[in-house]
Amino acid sequence: MEEKNKKNMPFKIFALVLILIILIFSKRENQEKFIEALNLHSLLLDELDIVNSISISKEVDNIAYYDNCFFIWQKDNLTRYDEKGSKEWEKSLSFVEPYIVFGQESIYICDKNLGDIHYLNLEGDTISRFKVEGTISGIKEYSQHILVHVREDNKEGLKLLDKNGNLLSKFYVDDGSILNYSLNDKNNIYAYSMLKLENENINSEILVSSLEGNINWHFQVEDELIMYLAFVDEEKLIAMSDKGLYCIDKGKILWQIELIAVKDICITGENIHILYDKIYEIISLDGIINEKVTFTEDYNKLILTDDYAIVYGNNNIMGIKGKNKIFKYKSEEPITKVAAVRKNLIVLYESKIDIISFIK
């Protein structure tokens, strides 16, 4: 009997190993990790993919990439490069507290403390210059309008302006702090989220109002911070908190998804692209998860091009198309920021900028 057990031992060990392998690879995330490991060489970008490298002598505060050029913003200095990294022009502005917003086709540079806003085209020409009362906390571009978050007379508010600086609407909140804000496509309804402290509890409230400041509806969540707001219909909102994703219409939840370690979100057309934990998902406006990609590394930011979703973290960049991982780049230096369009990545480090082609 003992001899028979000894003969069966290799088979038992094989069976145990086989069962263990089946259990491990029954999980989709483990299958993806294995496939990624096998395809690692085909995914990886290397030094040969670096089109150009630009040394920088002082800290870069922001970068933006358009179809045929990119910009770097250094305190109060704006420099434009062509897509291969050759400097085209440089523009300096002496502001007390400078702040820049890169729009779809325009650039807004302002002095936050004085309320001065300079509206530039991509050639660096000043299209218009105007002033808002109060100090500027933020600017968002919506087609031919801008929404300006201001502080004036110890109150916070929102001002809607056209690109000539004409004031179309304004209102102020009585108490609390404005966390985020959005404007619908018809440019006639605001949404904004407020942070309120009540009995040592943190509450967030979403309010939707007319341009005159009349509240249409509101929605409140406890112990959550509303980090993102965007209209996907005349009054329908997508809201992202630090704990989940909500679709809200006229104050009622149409659907919600609980999430952990929420990091970034982008909305394009009919899809919501969201990055959380070590997961990237494409979710329909109906709340249906269409695609899901898991990672072995941590990624903190998400950007979209016409064809790709690109995620990046401290040292890694990953390109995704649908649910497929298309390319991966690993840096020896910490990455500060990444911008992308069409076929190139603009990767900002502490002391240089690399232009990397990701089309193999």
Protein backbone atom coordinates (compact mmCIF):
# COMPACT_ATOMS: atom_id res chain seq x y z
CA MET A 1 0.00 0.00 0.00
CA GLU A 2 2.83 2.32 0.90
CA GLU A 3 4.51 1.53 -2.41
CA LYS A 4 1.30 2.39 -4.27
CA ASN A 5 1.03 5.77 -2.46
CA LYS A 6 4.59 6.59 -3.44
CA LYS A 7 3.82 5.84 -7.10
CA ASN A 8 0.76 8.09 -6.97
CA MET A 9 2.60 10.99 -5.33
CA PRO A 10 3.86 12.64 -8.58
CA PHE A 11 0.35 12.49 -10.02
CA LYS A 12 -1.12 14.07 -6.86
CA ILE A 13 1.45 16.86 -6.97
CA PHE A 14 0.71 17.45 -10.67
CA ALA A 15 -3.03 17.52 -9.96
CA LEU A 16 -2.58 20.02 -7.12
CA VAL A 17 -0.42 22.29 -9.29
CA LEU A 18 -2.95 22.06 -12.13
CA ILE A 19 -5.83 22.94 -9.80
CA LEU A 20 -3.81 25.85 -8.40
CA ILE A 21 -3.10 27.15 -11.93
CA ILE A 22 -6.80 26.86 -12.86
CA LEU A 23 -7.83 28.76 -9.73
CA ILE A 24 -5.28 31.50 -10.36
CA PHE A 25 -6.17 32.00 -14.02
CA SER A 26 -9.92 31.77 -13.49
CA LYS A 27 -9.71 35.41 -12.47
CA ARG A 28 -9.73 37.74 -15.49
CA GLU A 29 -7.23 40.15 -13.93
CA ASN A 30 -4.69 37.33 -13.56
CA GLN A 31 -5.28 36.30 -17.17
CA GLU A 32 -4.61 39.88 -18.26
CA LYS A 33 -1.42 40.09 -16.19
CA PHE A 34 -0.14 36.87 -17.78
CA ILE A 35 -0.99 38.03 -21.31
CA GLU A 36 0.67 41.40 -20.63
CA ALA A 37 3.82 39.64 -19.39
CA LEU A 38 3.96 37.54 -22.58
CA ASN A 39 3.44 40.60 -24.78
CA LEU A 40 5.67 42.93 -22.76
CA HIS A 41 8.31 43.34 -25.46
CA SER A 42 5.76 44.29 -28.13
CA LEU A 43 4.14 46.82 -25.76
CA LEU A 44 7.26 48.59 -24.55
CA LEU A 45 8.46 51.90 -25.93
CA ASP A 46 12.16 52.66 -25.47
CA GLU A 47 14.80 55.31 -26.18
CA LEU A 48 14.42 54.78 -29.92
CA ASP A 49 10.89 56.16 -29.68
CA ILE A 50 12.06 59.48 -28.19
CA VAL A 51 11.74 62.05 -30.98
CA ASN A 52 13.38 64.88 -29.03
CA SER A 53 14.41 65.86 -25.53
CA ILE A 54 14.31 69.48 -24.31
CA SER A 55 16.25 70.60 -21.24
CA ILE A 56 14.46 73.04 -18.91
CA SER A 57 16.21 75.30 -16.46
CA LYS A 58 13.24 76.32 -14.31
CA GLU A 59 10.08 74.62 -13.12
CA VAL A 60 7.27 74.14 -15.63
CA ASP A 61 3.82 74.78 -14.16
CA ASN A 62 1.71 73.45 -17.03
CA ILE A 63 1.91 71.94 -20.52
CA ALA A 64 -0.63 71.50 -23.32
CA TYR A 65 -0.49 69.73 -26.66
CA TYR A 66 -2.52 70.75 -29.71
CA ASP A 67 -2.56 69.23 -33.22
CA ASN A 68 0.73 70.67 -34.48
CA CYS A 69 2.33 72.38 -31.50
CA PHE A 70 2.70 72.29 -27.74
CA PHE A 71 3.07 74.94 -25.03
CA ILE A 72 4.90 75.12 -21.74
CA TRP A 73 3.97 77.61 -19.02
CA GLN A 74 6.64 78.69 -16.54
CA LYS A 75 5.31 81.08 -13.89
CA ASP A 76 4.55 84.00 -16.26
CA ASN A 77 6.29 82.83 -19.42
CA LEU A 78 4.56 81.04 -22.31
CA THR A 79 6.64 79.20 -24.93
CA ARG A 80 5.38 77.46 -28.06
CA TYR A 81 7.21 74.55 -29.75
CA ASP A 82 6.41 72.70 -32.94
CA GLU A 83 5.51 69.02 -32.56
CA LYS A 84 9.17 67.99 -33.03
CA GLY A 85 10.36 70.25 -30.20
CA SER A 86 11.76 73.30 -32.01
CA LYS A 87 10.98 76.59 -30.24
CA GLU A 88 8.70 78.85 -32.31
CA TRP A 89 8.12 81.82 -29.99
CA GLU A 90 8.11 82.97 -26.38
CA LYS A 91 5.83 85.43 -24.61
CA SER A 92 6.33 86.96 -21.14
CA LEU A 93 3.62 88.52 -18.97
CA SER A 94 4.35 90.29 -15.71
CA PHE A 95 1.56 89.24 -13.37
CA VAL A 96 1.37 89.33 -9.58
CA GLU A 97 -0.38 85.95 -9.32
CA PRO A 98 -0.37 84.33 -12.79
CA TYR A 99 -2.72 81.50 -13.77
CA ILE A 100 -3.26 79.78 -17.13
CA VAL A 101 -6.06 77.72 -18.65
CA PHE A 102 -5.52 75.87 -21.94
CA GLY A 103 -8.87 75.72 -23.77
CA GLN A 104 -9.86 73.75 -26.85
CA GLU A 105 -8.58 76.35 -29.31
CA SER A 106 -7.69 79.27 -27.06
CA ILE A 107 -5.50 80.14 -24.09
CA TYR A 108 -6.57 82.18 -21.06
CA ILE A 109 -3.89 83.83 -18.95
CA CYS A 110 -4.98 85.81 -15.94
CA ASP A 111 -3.76 87.65 -12.90
CA LYS A 112 -5.83 85.93 -10.22
CA ASN A 113 -5.35 88.65 -7.65
CA LEU A 114 -6.38 91.55 -9.92
CA GLY A 115 -9.05 89.75 -11.97
CA ASP A 116 -7.33 90.52 -15.31
CA ILE A 117 -7.93 87.96 -18.08
CA HIS A 118 -5.98 87.83 -21.36
CA TYR A 119 -7.57 85.73 -24.13
CA LEU A 120 -4.96 84.48 -26.65
CA ASN A 121 -5.10 82.41 -29.83
CA LEU A 122 -2.58 79.64 -30.51
CA GLU A 123 -0.32 82.11 -32.33
CA GLY A 124 0.11 84.08 -29.11
CA ASP A 125 -1.95 87.04 -30.32
CA THR A 126 -4.15 88.72 -27.71
CA ILE A 127 -7.72 88.49 -29.02
CA SER A 128 -9.20 90.38 -26.09
CA ARG A 129 -8.37 91.51 -22.58
CA PHE A 130 -10.89 92.15 -19.84
CA LYS A 131 -11.33 92.36 -16.09
CA VAL A 132 -13.72 90.74 -13.62
CA GLU A 133 -14.47 92.13 -10.19
CA GLY A 134 -12.96 90.09 -7.37
CA THR A 135 -10.14 87.56 -7.29
CA ILE A 136 -10.15 84.57 -9.64
CA SER A 137 -10.14 81.03 -8.24
CA GLY A 138 -10.62 79.18 -11.53
CA ILE A 139 -11.78 79.36 -15.16
CA LYS A 140 -13.53 76.80 -17.35
CA GLU A 141 -14.16 77.14 -21.09
CA TYR A 142 -17.51 76.18 -22.64
CA SER A 143 -17.63 76.72 -26.41
CA GLN A 144 -17.84 80.52 -26.83
CA HIS A 145 -18.22 81.16 -23.08
CA ILE A 146 -16.11 81.00 -19.96
CA LEU A 147 -17.28 80.31 -16.43
CA VAL A 148 -15.19 82.14 -13.82
CA HIS A 149 -15.09 81.15 -10.16
CA VAL A 150 -14.55 84.34 -8.15
CA ARG A 151 -14.21 85.56 -4.58
CA GLU A 152 -15.59 89.02 -3.92
CA ASP A 153 -16.50 90.77 -0.66
CA ASN A 154 -15.87 87.57 1.33
CA LYS A 155 -18.30 85.62 -0.85
CA GLU A 156 -17.76 83.02 -3.56
CA GLY A 157 -19.60 83.12 -6.85
CA LEU A 158 -19.71 82.24 -10.53
CA LYS A 159 -19.64 84.65 -13.46
CA LEU A 160 -20.51 83.70 -17.03
CA LEU A 161 -18.76 85.74 -19.74
CA ASP A 162 -18.48 85.58 -23.49
CA LYS A 163 -15.04 85.67 -25.09
CA ASN A 164 -15.22 89.44 -25.46
CA GLY A 165 -15.49 89.77 -21.70
CA ASN A 166 -19.18 90.71 -21.65
CA LEU A 167 -20.80 89.65 -18.38
CA LEU A 168 -23.84 87.47 -19.14
CA SER A 169 -24.71 86.31 -15.64
CA LYS A 170 -23.43 86.20 -12.08
CA PHE A 171 -24.49 84.93 -8.67
CA TYR A 172 -22.96 84.36 -5.22
CA VAL A 173 -23.40 81.70 -2.55
CA ASP A 174 -24.19 82.70 1.02
CA ASP A 175 -22.09 80.10 2.84
CA GLY A 176 -19.83 77.13 2.19
CA SER A 177 -17.14 76.67 -0.47
CA ILE A 178 -17.64 75.93 -4.15
CA LEU A 179 -15.86 72.66 -5.00
CA ASN A 180 -16.68 72.27 -8.68
CA TYR A 181 -18.95 73.70 -11.35
CA SER A 182 -20.27 73.11 -14.84
CA LEU A 183 -22.43 74.69 -17.56
CA ASN A 184 -24.85 72.83 -19.84
CA ASP A 185 -24.64 72.86 -23.66
CA LYS A 186 -27.42 75.44 -23.98
CA ASN A 187 -25.45 77.79 -21.71
CA ASN A 188 -28.53 78.43 -19.59
CA ILE A 189 -28.10 76.23 -16.49
CA TYR A 190 -25.28 76.02 -13.94
CA ALA A 191 -24.39 73.13 -11.71
CA TYR A 192 -22.05 73.56 -8.77
CA SER A 193 -21.06 71.52 -5.74
CA MET A 194 -20.63 72.95 -2.25
CA LEU A 195 -18.57 71.70 0.67
CA LYS A 196 -20.24 72.15 4.05
CA LEU A 197 -19.09 71.24 7.55
CA GLU A 198 -21.95 70.29 9.85
CA ASN A 199 -21.36 68.94 13.38
CA GLU A 200 -17.84 67.87 12.42
CA ASN A 201 -19.24 65.97 9.39
CA ILE A 202 -18.25 66.70 5.80
CA ASN A 203 -21.22 67.04 3.44
CA SER A 204 -21.33 67.86 -0.26
CA GLU A 205 -24.33 69.41 -1.94
CA ILE A 206 -24.94 69.69 -5.69
CA LEU A 207 -27.13 72.60 -6.80
CA VAL A 208 -28.51 73.23 -10.27
CA SER A 209 -29.72 76.74 -11.01
CA SER A 210 -30.76 79.15 -13.72
CA LEU A 211 -28.45 81.93 -14.85
CA GLU A 212 -30.31 84.23 -12.49
CA GLY A 213 -29.34 82.04 -9.53
CA ASN A 214 -32.76 80.43 -8.97
CA ILE A 215 -32.28 76.88 -7.70
CA ASN A 216 -33.93 74.26 -9.95
CA TRP A 217 -32.99 71.29 -7.75
CA HIS A 218 -30.33 70.09 -5.34
CA PHE A 219 -28.80 66.82 -4.22
CA GLN A 220 -26.81 66.05 -1.07
CA VAL A 221 -24.31 63.33 -0.16
CA GLU A 222 -22.80 62.74 3.27
CA ASP A 223 -19.14 62.07 4.00
CA GLU A 224 -18.15 62.46 0.34
CA LEU A 225 -16.36 65.13 -1.68
CA ILE A 226 -17.75 65.92 -5.14
CA MET A 227 -14.64 66.07 -7.30
CA TYR A 228 -16.20 66.35 -10.77
CA LEU A 229 -19.41 67.61 -12.42
CA ALA A 230 -20.49 67.52 -16.06
CA PHE A 231 -23.80 67.90 -17.88
CA VAL A 232 -24.67 65.09 -20.31
CA ASP A 233 -28.14 66.51 -21.10
CA GLU A 234 -29.96 69.76 -20.43
CA GLU A 235 -30.26 69.02 -16.69
CA LYS A 236 -28.79 65.50 -16.35
CA LEU A 237 -25.48 65.39 -14.51
CA ILE A 238 -22.61 62.99 -14.06
CA ALA A 239 -21.02 63.57 -10.65
CA MET A 240 -17.94 61.86 -9.30
CA SER A 241 -17.10 61.82 -5.61
CA ASP A 242 -14.11 60.31 -3.86
CA LYS A 243 -16.23 57.17 -3.33
CA GLY A 244 -18.39 56.73 -6.39
CA LEU A 245 -20.05 57.79 -9.60
CA TYR A 246 -23.59 59.20 -9.86
CA CYS A 247 -25.98 59.99 -12.68
CA ILE A 248 -28.53 62.51 -11.41
CA ASP A 249 -31.52 64.11 -13.11
CA LYS A 250 -33.74 66.69 -11.42
CA GLY A 251 -32.41 65.68 -8.02
CA LYS A 252 -33.03 61.93 -8.45
CA ILE A 253 -30.36 59.26 -8.81
CA LEU A 254 -30.78 57.39 -12.10
CA TRP A 255 -27.88 55.08 -11.27
CA GLN A 256 -24.78 54.97 -9.11
CA ILE A 257 -21.59 52.91 -8.93
CA GLU A 258 -19.53 52.57 -5.76
CA LEU A 259 -15.80 52.92 -6.36
CA ILE A 260 -12.60 52.88 -4.32
CA ALA A 261 -9.50 55.04 -4.71
CA VAL A 262 -11.06 57.24 -7.43
CA LYS A 263 -8.38 59.09 -9.40
CA ASP A 264 -9.59 60.65 -12.65
CA ILE A 265 -12.47 60.90 -15.12
CA CYS A 266 -13.13 62.06 -18.70
CA ILE A 267 -16.43 62.14 -20.61
CA THR A 268 -16.57 61.97 -24.41
CA GLY A 269 -19.76 61.59 -26.39
CA GLU A 270 -21.74 58.67 -24.96
CA ASN A 271 -18.94 57.28 -22.78
CA ILE A 272 -17.53 57.91 -19.32
CA HIS A 273 -13.86 57.03 -18.93
CA ILE A 274 -12.86 56.53 -15.31
CA LEU A 275 -9.65 55.58 -13.53
CA TYR A 276 -9.79 54.19 -10.01
CA ASP A 277 -7.64 51.88 -7.88
CA LYS A 278 -5.73 49.84 -10.53
CA ILE A 279 -8.63 49.81 -12.97
CA TYR A 280 -9.69 51.75 -16.07
CA GLU A 281 -13.32 51.44 -17.19
CA ILE A 282 -15.46 52.73 -20.04
CA ILE A 283 -19.02 53.20 -18.80
CA SER A 284 -22.04 54.17 -20.89
CA LEU A 285 -24.27 57.07 -19.90
CA ASP A 286 -26.77 54.39 -18.84
CA GLY A 287 -24.33 53.12 -16.22
CA ILE A 288 -23.32 49.96 -18.11
CA ILE A 289 -19.64 48.97 -17.93
CA ASN A 290 -18.59 48.35 -21.55
CA GLU A 291 -14.85 47.82 -21.11
CA LYS A 292 -12.60 47.12 -18.13
CA VAL A 293 -8.80 47.03 -17.98
CA THR A 294 -6.77 46.16 -14.89
CA PHE A 295 -3.15 47.12 -14.20
CA THR A 296 -0.27 45.74 -12.18
CA GLU A 297 1.09 49.26 -11.45
CA ASP A 298 -0.49 52.37 -10.01
CA TYR A 299 -1.67 55.03 -12.46
CA ASN A 300 -2.94 58.41 -11.23
CA LYS A 301 -4.09 60.42 -14.26
CA LEU A 302 -6.13 59.77 -17.38
CA ILE A 303 -6.04 61.65 -20.71
CA LEU A 304 -7.77 60.92 -24.02
CA THR A 305 -6.77 61.34 -27.66
CA ASP A 306 -9.03 60.65 -30.63
CA ASP A 307 -8.07 56.95 -30.61
CA TYR A 308 -6.47 56.17 -27.26
CA ALA A 309 -6.91 56.42 -23.53
CA ILE A 310 -3.58 57.12 -21.84
CA VAL A 311 -2.95 56.62 -18.13
CA TYR A 312 0.19 57.62 -16.28
CA GLY A 313 1.71 57.43 -12.83
CA ASN A 314 5.01 58.28 -11.18
CA ASN A 315 7.14 56.27 -13.59
CA ASN A 316 4.81 54.50 -16.02
CA ILE A 317 2.64 55.40 -19.02
CA MET A 318 0.14 53.02 -20.60
CA GLY A 319 -1.81 53.45 -23.86
CA ILE A 320 -5.16 51.68 -24.24
CA LYS A 321 -7.56 51.23 -27.14
CA GLY A 322 -10.89 49.77 -26.10
CA LYS A 323 -9.86 47.01 -23.69
CA ASN A 324 -6.48 46.37 -25.33
CA LYS A 325 -3.15 47.59 -23.96
CA ILE A 326 -1.36 49.09 -26.97
CA PHE A 327 1.87 50.49 -25.56
CA LYS A 328 3.75 50.97 -22.32
CA TYR A 329 6.57 53.31 -21.34
CA LYS A 330 8.67 53.09 -18.19
CA SER A 331 10.73 56.08 -17.08
CA GLU A 332 13.76 56.13 -14.80
CA GLU A 333 12.82 59.65 -13.66
CA PRO A 334 9.60 60.69 -11.88
CA ILE A 335 6.97 61.94 -14.33
CA THR A 336 5.38 65.30 -13.54
CA LYS A 337 2.75 65.48 -16.30
CA VAL A 338 1.86 63.98 -19.68
CA ALA A 339 0.01 65.51 -22.64
CA ALA A 340 -0.86 63.60 -25.80
CA VAL A 341 -2.43 63.97 -29.24
CA ARG A 342 -2.53 61.79 -32.36
CA LYS A 343 0.85 60.01 -32.29
CA ASN A 344 3.08 61.73 -29.70
CA LEU A 345 3.39 62.00 -25.94
CA ILE A 346 4.77 65.13 -24.31
CA VAL A 347 6.30 63.92 -21.04
CA LEU A 348 7.32 66.48 -18.45
CA TYR A 349 10.03 65.72 -15.88
CA GLU A 350 11.70 68.00 -13.35
CA SER A 351 14.57 68.95 -15.65
CA LYS A 352 13.46 68.02 -19.18
CA ILE A 353 10.62 67.40 -21.60
CA ASP A 354 10.61 64.30 -23.81
CA ILE A 355 8.61 63.97 -27.03
CA ILE A 356 7.86 60.28 -27.48
CA SER A 357 6.22 58.66 -30.51
CA PHE A 358 3.81 55.92 -29.49
CA ILE A 359 2.84 54.79 -33.01
CA LYS A 360 4.81 51.62 -33.69
